[in-house]
Amino acid sequence: MRFCDKLAKQRKNNNLSQEQLAEKLGVSRQAVSKWESGSSYPDMEKIIQISNILNCTLENLLDDGTIKESSSKNPKFNFNNYIQDLLHFITKTNNMFGSMNFKQKIKCIIEVIVIFIITCILGLIIFSAMNGITYHTLEVLPETIRYGICNIFDSIYIIILLIFGIIIVLHLFKIRYLDYYITIEDKNISEKIIEKEIRNKNEYSFPKREKIIIRDPKHSVYSFFSLLGKIILIIFKLFIVICSIPLICLTVFLIFSLVFSLFHIRYTILFLFISISLLGIVALVFLIIYFIYNFIFNMKQPVKLIFIIFISSLIFIGMGAGLACATVLNYQPCDINETGKMITKTEIIKLKDNTKISILPSYYNEVIIDNSLNDIKLQITYPEIFKYQITPETLSEDGIEYYHLFLDQIDIFKLYKFVLNNLEQKKIINYNDDCIKVKIYVSQENYNKLIND
């Protein structure tokens, strides 16, 4: 919008007529009318008065782009300026040490060493905390992958903390010492003032060295400090990008789960409530990714929009989770052997000489004595959707042979159909190992071996 249009709009928003605005500005009504018609333009002093009277900023009055274009012109990056600034810092440090006596030099060196040690201790504490958080966060990953990712993150942590520590030590050194000494090479100082140390008039002593008062009371920052800060910001943004990759993968997975849940609403209303909760989670994760995107590319964060989406996502998550839990509480809990098809198979365990046999686990076994058997026969009953495995393990110390019986594989397609059918009938199934039933047929002699073990 043009200035004339903005002036008329702001005046009307403040319920002022042209006469009233002209009176406050000390001009004629015709002048205000010309400004609003675009035939003339007030001077900058009048524009500032107008902004104060109408309670608005200059950006709300001036033509679009007038302020933004001028403020967006940033100085170009010049690496030579940073090098020259660093050399100036080194030169000023050398001249400062040259003007110090021995006691002042020792005091300066000791103080810098103490600051360095304190900074290192704080850095080690932060590094240990971040390393522990990263390691425990990635526990779900395989050891090799987790070890590699942790090494990458540790390198990033070390670089950031090292640069940040250098900035802290050098800046404290600057404000503690460099800013209190003035040298001939300091071209920014036009007037040099030296204060002498105040002493008691009655005190007899030899003349002492003159003190030099502070020359940089505002403690300005050298350009190469800014360069180090920019490096830290770039590394931090790179770190944020790496951390956002799992969020992107999570978003894809959540969208897949949401579509999958919506497709199964026809089986039970439970999937509708799960979909509502998933929709809120998707919105929340998307909001985090959107916030990261704006931060990386230095874009303005729409705080109001972010707040609305955040609150809405929490409402959806809470409402969907609450309705889903209330629905599940009305379902009937059942064991898998009560609703699923059971299969019975027979396994034979060959006995070996001088070997004791123990079948594990035994809390669901039923032993039947059959003296006609020379070996051990197992009758295993298990659900159709599962597969079992019997694994022998021989201990070399005592020669005992153990047989471990456990669920090995699951038929995913049969399990999928089985779960949907039970949810449709409002049943919740227990899938523990207790669903396997074992009958052990063994002779009395071999049974005694089992008992003796």
Protein backbone atom coordinates (compact mmCIF):
# COMPACT_ATOMS: atom_id res chain seq x y z
CA MET A 1 0.00 0.00 0.00
CA ARG A 2 1.03 3.60 -0.60
CA PHE A 3 1.54 6.20 2.13
CA CYS A 4 -1.65 8.07 1.22
CA ASP A 5 -3.78 4.93 1.62
CA LYS A 6 -2.07 3.90 4.86
CA LEU A 7 -2.49 7.38 6.37
CA ALA A 8 -6.23 7.42 5.68
CA LYS A 9 -6.62 3.88 7.08
CA GLN A 10 -4.68 4.59 10.28
CA ARG A 11 -6.54 7.88 10.82
CA LYS A 12 -9.91 6.15 10.53
CA ASN A 13 -8.74 3.34 12.86
CA ASN A 14 -8.07 6.02 15.49
CA ASN A 15 -11.48 7.67 14.90
CA LEU A 16 -9.94 10.99 13.86
CA SER A 17 -11.19 13.37 11.18
CA GLN A 18 -8.86 15.26 8.87
CA GLU A 19 -9.50 18.41 10.88
CA GLN A 20 -8.64 16.73 14.19
CA LEU A 21 -5.43 15.22 12.81
CA ALA A 22 -4.45 18.57 11.24
CA GLU A 23 -5.02 20.32 14.58
CA LYS A 24 -2.78 17.85 16.43
CA LEU A 25 -0.05 18.28 13.81
CA GLY A 26 -0.37 22.05 13.64
CA VAL A 27 -1.15 22.09 9.92
CA SER A 28 -4.17 22.92 7.82
CA ARG A 29 -6.89 20.43 6.89
CA GLN A 30 -6.00 20.95 3.22
CA ALA A 31 -2.47 19.67 3.91
CA VAL A 32 -3.82 16.43 5.40
CA SER A 33 -6.22 16.12 2.47
CA LYS A 34 -3.34 16.45 -0.01
CA TRP A 35 -1.34 13.80 1.85
CA GLU A 36 -4.26 11.36 1.69
CA SER A 37 -4.91 12.11 -1.98
CA GLY A 38 -1.25 11.48 -2.83
CA SER A 39 -0.65 14.95 -4.32
CA SER A 40 1.94 15.86 -1.66
CA TYR A 41 4.14 14.17 0.94
CA PRO A 42 5.00 15.34 4.50
CA ASP A 43 8.57 15.69 5.70
CA MET A 44 10.15 13.08 7.96
CA GLU A 45 9.55 15.11 11.12
CA LYS A 46 5.81 15.23 10.38
CA ILE A 47 5.76 11.51 9.57
CA ILE A 48 7.28 10.73 12.99
CA GLN A 49 4.65 12.96 14.65
CA ILE A 50 1.90 11.18 12.70
CA SER A 51 3.16 7.76 13.81
CA ASN A 52 3.13 8.90 17.46
CA ILE A 53 -0.36 10.39 17.19
CA LEU A 54 -1.83 7.35 15.40
CA ASN A 55 0.04 4.86 17.63
CA CYS A 56 1.65 3.00 14.73
CA THR A 57 5.14 2.29 13.42
CA LEU A 58 6.84 3.95 10.46
CA GLU A 59 6.48 0.66 8.57
CA ASN A 60 2.70 0.97 8.95
CA LEU A 61 2.82 4.41 7.33
CA LEU A 62 5.51 4.41 4.66
CA ASP A 63 5.15 2.79 1.23
CA ASP A 64 5.57 -1.00 1.22
CA GLY A 65 9.22 -2.01 0.90
CA THR A 66 10.66 1.37 1.92
CA ILE A 67 11.98 0.16 5.26
CA LYS A 68 12.46 -3.51 4.42
CA GLU A 69 14.55 -2.85 1.36
CA SER A 70 16.90 -0.53 3.22
CA SER A 71 17.20 -2.81 6.26
CA SER A 72 17.76 -5.96 4.21
CA LYS A 73 20.99 -4.67 2.73
CA ASN A 74 23.56 -6.49 4.85
CA PRO A 75 27.29 -5.96 4.38
CA LYS A 76 28.94 -8.59 2.26
CA PHE A 77 31.07 -11.25 3.85
CA ASN A 78 34.75 -10.29 3.68
CA PHE A 79 37.10 -12.90 5.12
CA ASN A 80 40.02 -10.43 4.97
CA ASN A 81 38.27 -8.18 7.51
CA TYR A 82 38.09 -11.05 9.99
CA ILE A 83 41.79 -11.83 9.48
CA GLN A 84 42.75 -8.19 9.98
CA ASP A 85 40.62 -8.01 13.12
CA LEU A 86 42.30 -11.14 14.49
CA LEU A 87 45.76 -9.68 13.79
CA HIS A 88 44.70 -6.46 15.49
CA PHE A 89 43.62 -8.47 18.54
CA ILE A 90 47.00 -10.22 18.64
CA THR A 91 48.88 -6.92 18.23
CA LYS A 92 46.88 -5.25 21.00
CA THR A 93 47.48 -8.23 23.30
CA ASN A 94 51.24 -8.07 22.65
CA ASN A 95 51.35 -4.32 23.34
CA MET A 96 49.33 -4.79 26.51
CA PHE A 97 51.78 -7.35 27.88
CA GLY A 98 54.62 -5.04 26.97
CA SER A 99 53.16 -2.25 29.11
CA MET A 100 52.59 -4.52 32.14
CA ASN A 101 54.99 -5.10 35.02
CA PHE A 102 55.91 -8.65 36.12
CA LYS A 103 53.23 -8.85 38.82
CA GLN A 104 50.48 -7.78 36.43
CA LYS A 105 51.61 -10.31 33.83
CA ILE A 106 51.53 -13.19 36.35
CA LYS A 107 48.11 -12.09 37.58
CA CYS A 108 46.75 -11.94 34.01
CA ILE A 109 48.16 -15.37 33.06
CA ILE A 110 46.85 -17.05 36.24
CA GLU A 111 43.40 -15.52 35.79
CA VAL A 112 43.18 -16.65 32.15
CA ILE A 113 44.27 -20.19 33.17
CA VAL A 114 41.60 -20.29 35.91
CA ILE A 115 38.93 -19.13 33.43
CA PHE A 116 40.15 -21.78 30.96
CA ILE A 117 39.98 -24.55 33.59
CA ILE A 118 36.49 -23.53 34.72
CA THR A 119 35.32 -23.41 31.09
CA CYS A 120 36.78 -26.89 30.45
CA ILE A 121 35.03 -28.32 33.53
CA LEU A 122 31.69 -26.85 32.47
CA GLY A 123 32.27 -28.13 28.93
CA LEU A 124 32.99 -31.67 30.20
CA ILE A 125 29.81 -31.62 32.30
CA ILE A 126 27.72 -30.48 29.33
CA PHE A 127 29.43 -33.00 27.02
CA SER A 128 28.80 -35.88 29.44
CA ALA A 129 25.14 -34.92 29.78
CA MET A 130 24.62 -34.61 26.01
CA ASN A 131 26.52 -37.86 25.38
CA GLY A 132 24.33 -39.73 27.88
CA ILE A 133 21.13 -38.29 26.40
CA THR A 134 22.21 -39.28 22.87
CA TYR A 135 23.26 -42.79 23.89
CA HIS A 136 20.04 -43.57 25.79
CA THR A 137 17.87 -42.00 23.06
CA LEU A 138 19.39 -44.33 20.42
CA GLU A 139 19.15 -47.52 22.49
CA VAL A 140 16.53 -48.91 20.10
CA LEU A 141 19.11 -49.02 17.28
CA PRO A 142 21.62 -51.86 16.72
CA GLU A 143 24.90 -51.46 18.59
CA THR A 144 27.04 -50.81 15.50
CA ILE A 145 24.71 -48.14 14.09
CA ARG A 146 24.26 -46.54 17.51
CA TYR A 147 28.03 -46.44 18.06
CA GLY A 148 28.59 -44.70 14.69
CA ILE A 149 25.83 -42.13 15.23
CA CYS A 150 27.05 -41.42 18.77
CA ASN A 151 30.57 -40.77 17.44
CA ILE A 152 29.17 -38.26 14.91
CA PHE A 153 27.17 -36.46 17.59
CA ASP A 154 30.16 -36.48 19.97
CA SER A 155 32.30 -34.79 17.30
CA ILE A 156 29.64 -32.12 16.80
CA TYR A 157 29.38 -31.58 20.57
CA ILE A 158 33.16 -31.22 20.90
CA ILE A 159 33.44 -28.71 18.02
CA ILE A 160 30.57 -26.56 19.35
CA LEU A 161 31.84 -26.61 22.94
CA LEU A 162 35.43 -25.91 21.83
CA ILE A 163 34.49 -22.86 19.75
CA PHE A 164 32.09 -21.64 22.42
CA GLY A 165 34.81 -22.06 25.08
CA ILE A 166 37.32 -20.10 22.97
CA ILE A 167 34.81 -17.26 22.60
CA ILE A 168 34.15 -17.18 26.37
CA VAL A 169 37.85 -17.21 27.35
CA LEU A 170 38.90 -14.58 24.79
CA HIS A 171 35.96 -12.30 25.50
CA LEU A 172 36.53 -12.45 29.27
CA PHE A 173 40.23 -11.75 28.62
CA LYS A 174 39.22 -8.75 26.51
CA ILE A 175 36.83 -7.19 29.00
CA ARG A 176 39.09 -7.98 31.97
CA TYR A 177 42.37 -6.70 30.48
CA LEU A 178 42.44 -5.43 26.88
CA ASP A 179 39.68 -2.90 27.51
CA TYR A 180 41.67 -1.43 30.41
CA TYR A 181 44.86 -0.75 28.44
CA ILE A 182 45.46 1.69 25.62
CA THR A 183 48.26 1.52 23.11
CA ILE A 184 49.52 3.73 20.33
CA GLU A 185 48.15 1.30 17.76
CA ASP A 186 44.58 1.88 18.98
CA LYS A 187 43.30 4.27 16.30
CA ASN A 188 39.79 4.42 17.79
CA ILE A 189 40.97 6.46 20.79
CA SER A 190 41.21 10.18 20.19
CA GLU A 191 41.80 11.24 23.79
CA LYS A 192 44.13 9.40 26.18
CA ILE A 193 43.47 9.83 29.87
CA ILE A 194 45.71 8.41 32.60
CA GLU A 195 44.71 8.24 36.21
CA LYS A 196 47.21 7.93 39.02
CA GLU A 197 46.62 5.64 41.94
CA ILE A 198 45.04 7.34 44.96
CA ARG A 199 47.19 7.10 48.09
CA ASN A 200 47.10 8.50 51.62
CA LYS A 201 48.87 11.85 51.91
CA ASN A 202 50.61 10.77 55.09
CA GLU A 203 51.82 7.58 53.50
CA TYR A 204 55.45 7.72 52.45
CA SER A 205 56.25 5.59 49.45
CA PHE A 206 58.10 5.68 46.21
CA PRO A 207 56.24 6.69 43.05
CA LYS A 208 54.26 3.82 41.58
CA ARG A 209 53.28 2.91 38.03
CA GLU A 210 50.36 4.83 36.57
CA LYS A 211 47.05 3.13 36.06
CA ILE A 212 45.27 3.31 32.73
CA ILE A 213 41.51 3.57 32.90
CA ILE A 214 39.08 1.60 30.78
CA ARG A 215 39.03 2.60 27.12
CA ASP A 216 36.14 0.44 25.86
CA PRO A 217 33.35 0.83 28.44
CA LYS A 218 30.79 -0.80 26.12
CA HIS A 219 33.05 -3.86 25.60
CA SER A 220 32.62 -4.06 21.84
CA VAL A 221 33.12 -7.46 20.19
CA TYR A 222 35.78 -8.19 17.58
CA SER A 223 34.64 -9.31 14.16
CA PHE A 224 36.38 -12.67 14.38
CA PHE A 225 34.32 -13.38 17.52
CA SER A 226 31.28 -12.92 15.31
CA LEU A 227 32.82 -15.30 12.78
CA LEU A 228 33.23 -17.96 15.48
CA GLY A 229 29.62 -17.37 16.50
CA LYS A 230 28.47 -17.85 12.91
CA ILE A 231 30.44 -21.12 12.74
CA ILE A 232 28.74 -22.34 15.91
CA LEU A 233 25.33 -21.37 14.50
CA ILE A 234 26.02 -23.24 11.23
CA ILE A 235 27.17 -26.35 13.12
CA PHE A 236 24.15 -26.13 15.42
CA LYS A 237 21.81 -25.86 12.44
CA LEU A 238 23.53 -28.87 10.86
CA PHE A 239 23.02 -30.73 14.13
CA ILE A 240 19.32 -29.77 14.09
CA VAL A 241 18.99 -31.03 10.50
CA ILE A 242 20.52 -34.39 11.46
CA CYS A 243 18.19 -34.65 14.45
CA SER A 244 15.16 -33.83 12.27
CA ILE A 245 15.75 -36.84 9.97
CA PRO A 246 14.17 -39.27 12.51
CA LEU A 247 11.27 -36.82 12.83
CA ILE A 248 10.68 -36.95 9.07
CA CYS A 249 10.78 -40.77 9.15
CA LEU A 250 8.39 -40.70 12.12
CA THR A 251 6.01 -38.45 10.18
CA VAL A 252 5.94 -40.89 7.27
CA PHE A 253 5.26 -43.77 9.65
CA LEU A 254 2.50 -41.84 11.46
CA ILE A 255 0.79 -40.95 8.18
CA PHE A 256 0.95 -44.62 7.15
CA SER A 257 -0.54 -45.63 10.52
CA LEU A 258 -3.27 -43.00 10.17
CA VAL A 259 -4.30 -44.24 6.71
CA PHE A 260 -4.10 -47.85 7.93
CA SER A 261 -6.32 -47.02 10.91
CA LEU A 262 -8.86 -45.13 8.80
CA PHE A 263 -9.13 -48.13 6.46
CA HIS A 264 -10.10 -50.42 9.35
CA ILE A 265 -12.87 -48.25 10.82
CA ARG A 266 -15.37 -50.65 9.22
CA TYR A 267 -14.29 -53.39 11.63
CA THR A 268 -14.65 -51.46 14.88
CA ILE A 269 -15.13 -47.88 16.05
CA LEU A 270 -11.92 -48.26 18.06
CA PHE A 271 -9.93 -47.47 14.91
CA LEU A 272 -11.81 -44.16 14.55
CA PHE A 273 -10.65 -43.03 17.98
CA ILE A 274 -7.11 -44.22 17.24
CA SER A 275 -7.22 -42.20 14.00
CA ILE A 276 -8.22 -39.06 15.90
CA SER A 277 -5.30 -39.48 18.27
CA LEU A 278 -2.89 -40.20 15.39
CA LEU A 279 -4.10 -37.08 13.59
CA GLY A 280 -3.15 -35.00 16.62
CA ILE A 281 0.28 -36.64 16.82
CA VAL A 282 0.89 -36.03 13.09
CA ALA A 283 -0.04 -32.35 13.54
CA LEU A 284 2.30 -32.06 16.54
CA VAL A 285 5.28 -33.65 14.74
CA PHE A 286 4.58 -31.52 11.65
CA LEU A 287 4.58 -28.44 13.87
CA ILE A 288 8.03 -29.36 15.24
CA ILE A 289 9.38 -29.86 11.70
CA TYR A 290 7.85 -26.54 10.59
CA PHE A 291 9.45 -24.77 13.56
CA ILE A 292 12.85 -26.31 12.71
CA TYR A 293 12.46 -25.27 9.05
CA ASN A 294 11.79 -21.64 10.01
CA PHE A 295 14.75 -21.65 12.40
CA ILE A 296 17.22 -23.09 9.86
CA PHE A 297 16.27 -20.63 7.11
CA ASN A 298 15.96 -17.64 9.50
CA MET A 299 12.26 -17.18 8.79
CA LYS A 300 9.82 -15.46 11.13
CA GLN A 301 8.00 -17.85 13.44
CA PRO A 302 4.18 -17.41 13.23
CA VAL A 303 3.67 -17.66 16.98
CA LYS A 304 -0.12 -17.40 16.85
CA LEU A 305 -0.46 -20.14 14.23
CA ILE A 306 2.00 -22.40 16.07
CA PHE A 307 0.08 -21.94 19.32
CA ILE A 308 -3.27 -22.76 17.68
CA ILE A 309 -1.93 -25.92 16.00
CA PHE A 310 -0.20 -26.99 19.22
CA ILE A 311 -3.35 -26.67 21.35
CA SER A 312 -5.48 -28.34 18.65
CA SER A 313 -3.09 -31.30 18.38
CA LEU A 314 -3.15 -31.79 22.17
CA ILE A 315 -6.96 -31.76 22.11
CA PHE A 316 -7.07 -34.38 19.34
CA ILE A 317 -4.49 -36.59 21.09
CA GLY A 318 -6.26 -36.43 24.44
CA MET A 319 -9.75 -36.89 23.02
CA GLY A 320 -8.77 -39.82 20.77
CA ALA A 321 -6.72 -41.57 23.47
CA GLY A 322 -9.51 -41.17 26.04
CA LEU A 323 -12.20 -42.55 23.73
CA ALA A 324 -9.93 -45.43 22.65
CA CYS A 325 -9.20 -46.41 26.27
CA ALA A 326 -12.89 -46.22 27.20
CA THR A 327 -13.70 -48.49 24.23
CA VAL A 328 -11.00 -51.05 25.07
CA LEU A 329 -12.22 -51.25 28.70
CA ASN A 330 -15.55 -52.58 27.39
CA TYR A 331 -13.83 -55.42 25.50
CA GLN A 332 -13.71 -58.94 26.94
CA PRO A 333 -10.23 -60.35 27.80
CA CYS A 334 -9.64 -63.91 26.52
CA ASP A 335 -6.81 -66.41 26.18
CA ILE A 336 -5.72 -67.24 22.67
CA ASN A 337 -6.52 -70.95 23.10
CA GLU A 338 -10.16 -70.00 23.78
CA THR A 339 -10.72 -68.26 20.46
CA GLY A 340 -8.03 -69.45 18.03
CA LYS A 341 -7.49 -72.71 16.22
CA MET A 342 -5.06 -75.02 18.08
CA ILE A 343 -2.63 -77.49 16.44
CA THR A 344 -1.11 -80.56 18.12
CA LYS A 345 2.23 -82.06 17.08
CA THR A 346 4.44 -84.82 18.48
CA GLU A 347 8.19 -84.59 19.06
CA ILE A 348 10.57 -87.41 20.12
CA ILE A 349 13.66 -86.73 22.22
CA LYS A 350 16.28 -89.46 21.96
CA LEU A 351 17.96 -90.41 25.22
CA LYS A 352 21.73 -90.68 25.43
CA ASP A 353 23.82 -92.78 27.82
CA ASN A 354 24.98 -91.08 31.02
CA THR A 355 22.98 -87.95 30.15
CA LYS A 356 20.43 -86.31 32.36
CA ILE A 357 17.48 -84.63 30.66
CA SER A 358 15.70 -81.46 31.72
CA ILE A 359 12.92 -79.86 29.65
CA LEU A 360 12.56 -76.11 30.10
CA PRO A 361 10.33 -74.30 30.80
CA SER A 362 8.23 -76.65 32.92
CA TYR A 363 5.46 -74.49 34.41
CA TYR A 364 2.96 -75.55 31.72
CA ASN A 365 4.03 -79.21 31.34
CA GLU A 366 1.88 -82.27 32.07
CA VAL A 367 3.78 -85.52 32.71
CA ILE A 368 2.22 -88.89 31.75
CA ILE A 369 3.98 -92.17 32.74
CA ASP A 370 4.24 -94.71 29.91
CA ASN A 371 6.70 -97.55 30.63
CA SER A 372 6.48 -98.80 27.05
CA LEU A 373 8.57 -95.85 25.86
CA ASN A 374 12.35 -95.91 25.72
CA ASP A 375 12.59 -92.27 24.67
CA ILE A 376 10.69 -89.15 25.67
CA LYS A 377 7.66 -88.16 23.64
CA LEU A 378 6.36 -84.59 23.66
CA GLN A 379 2.81 -83.75 22.59
CA ILE A 380 2.78 -80.00 21.89
CA THR A 381 -0.44 -78.04 21.43
CA TYR A 382 -0.09 -74.46 20.19
CA PRO A 383 -2.13 -71.79 18.31
CA GLU A 384 -2.25 -71.95 14.54
CA ILE A 385 -0.80 -68.47 14.13
CA PHE A 386 2.44 -69.41 15.96
CA LYS A 387 5.35 -71.72 15.32
CA TYR A 388 7.52 -73.27 18.02
CA GLN A 389 11.11 -74.44 18.28
CA ILE A 390 12.88 -76.93 20.56
CA THR A 391 16.54 -76.05 21.10
CA PRO A 392 18.92 -78.44 22.94
CA GLU A 393 21.74 -77.01 25.01
CA THR A 394 24.47 -79.16 26.62
CA LEU A 395 26.41 -77.89 29.62
CA SER A 396 29.99 -79.18 29.51
CA GLU A 397 30.42 -78.93 33.28
CA ASP A 398 27.91 -81.60 34.37
CA GLY A 399 26.82 -83.15 31.05
CA ILE A 400 23.15 -82.19 31.46
CA GLU A 401 21.23 -81.65 28.23
CA TYR A 402 18.53 -79.01 28.43
CA TYR A 403 15.70 -78.56 25.93
CA HIS A 404 14.26 -75.09 25.57
CA LEU A 405 10.79 -74.79 24.08
CA PHE A 406 9.69 -71.36 22.88
CA LEU A 407 7.66 -69.54 20.22
CA ASP A 408 9.85 -69.02 17.17
CA GLN A 409 7.85 -67.42 14.35
CA ILE A 410 4.48 -65.82 13.76
CA ASP A 411 2.41 -66.04 10.62
CA ILE A 412 1.82 -62.29 10.15
CA PHE A 413 -1.10 -62.64 7.74
CA LYS A 414 -2.94 -65.15 9.95
CA LEU A 415 -2.23 -63.01 13.03
CA TYR A 416 -3.61 -59.93 11.23
CA LYS A 417 -6.87 -61.71 10.37
CA PHE A 418 -7.08 -63.22 13.83
CA VAL A 419 -6.69 -59.85 15.59
CA LEU A 420 -9.26 -58.14 13.36
CA ASN A 421 -11.81 -60.89 13.92
CA ASN A 422 -11.39 -60.67 17.69
CA LEU A 423 -11.58 -56.87 17.72
CA GLU A 424 -14.74 -57.09 15.66
CA GLN A 425 -16.18 -59.39 18.34
CA LYS A 426 -14.94 -57.01 21.06
CA LYS A 427 -12.34 -59.39 22.47
CA ILE A 428 -8.82 -58.71 23.71
CA ILE A 429 -6.53 -61.74 23.38
CA ASN A 430 -3.59 -62.71 25.59
CA TYR A 431 -0.61 -63.76 23.45
CA ASN A 432 1.80 -65.03 26.15
CA ASP A 433 3.80 -68.27 26.01
CA ASP A 434 1.18 -69.88 28.25
CA CYS A 435 -0.78 -70.66 25.11
CA ILE A 436 1.60 -73.61 24.49
CA LYS A 437 0.59 -76.79 26.30
CA VAL A 438 3.01 -79.72 26.51
CA LYS A 439 2.29 -83.32 27.53
CA ILE A 440 5.43 -85.32 28.34
CA TYR A 441 5.13 -89.09 27.86
CA VAL A 442 8.00 -90.81 29.65
CA SER A 443 8.81 -94.08 31.41
CA GLN A 444 9.18 -94.24 35.17
CA GLU A 445 12.95 -94.69 34.89
CA ASN A 446 13.42 -91.66 32.68
CA TYR A 447 10.99 -89.70 34.80
CA ASN A 448 13.19 -90.34 37.82
CA LYS A 449 16.05 -88.75 35.86
CA LEU A 450 13.91 -85.69 35.33
CA ILE A 451 13.04 -85.54 39.03
CA ASN A 452 16.68 -86.00 40.11
CA ASP A 453 17.73 -83.07 37.92
